């Protein structure tokens, strides 16, 4: 049975043998700052559905529109396959001062074990998988990436070390909207509001239907309520006190 990393049922280390090889679940609990993050998933199967026309899109522009309208900072973790399909969106997100970008791997495959049904990524291609998206982010977002999130949040200490060797910080989360395939937008709102605290990193999804059909509908109420509670939305790098990803020449 798969147990999510960070769960009370998970007794496995996430720090490896080197204290610097760590995974970030949240920021400081002393400040009323939080980071909302959106994963842009894209598996081979999702790409096939998109290319064939079975699925109209795998990007819900309403989410970005709402963030812009409410002047809410956010961090987007993009898979390489998604970047290839949405290069202009990737560029636009990177140019927007409200937003920052991180990597969500290339193929959205599991780095460790059975992980939400994701295809298993062989150890022999993990470095290539990490590097491919780093390259795409440089090409289309024009930054030298510094943030990484594992597909499904599944990994081993050795996987964390590989990401660290690419000069990336591994960013997990401590609050999930559980918006994947969830058709109840109020449930998504409640999932976030009932668990958010100082320093929280919230995970939602950018894809829209069918993978995340109600995220955009939940977002306005979610943002409004958290701001009323006095929370300041910041980018992940700001929450963690990290240097922003350096820009690279186009």
Foldseek 3Di string as FASTA:
>chain_A
DDDFPPDPPDPADQCAPDNVLHEAAFFDQVDLAEAEEAEQAAAPVNVVCCVVVVDVFQFDVLQVVLCVVVVFAHEYAYAQVVCVVVLVVLQVQLPDPSYYYAHAWHRLAADDDCAVNGHYDDPVCLLVRLVSSQVSCCVRSQFRHAEYEYRNNHHHSVSSVSCVVSNHHYYDWFFELPQFQDPDLVSSLCSRVVGDGRGGYYYDHRGDPPGRPCPSVNPVVNVVVSVVVVHGYGYPCVSHVHDGTGGHDD
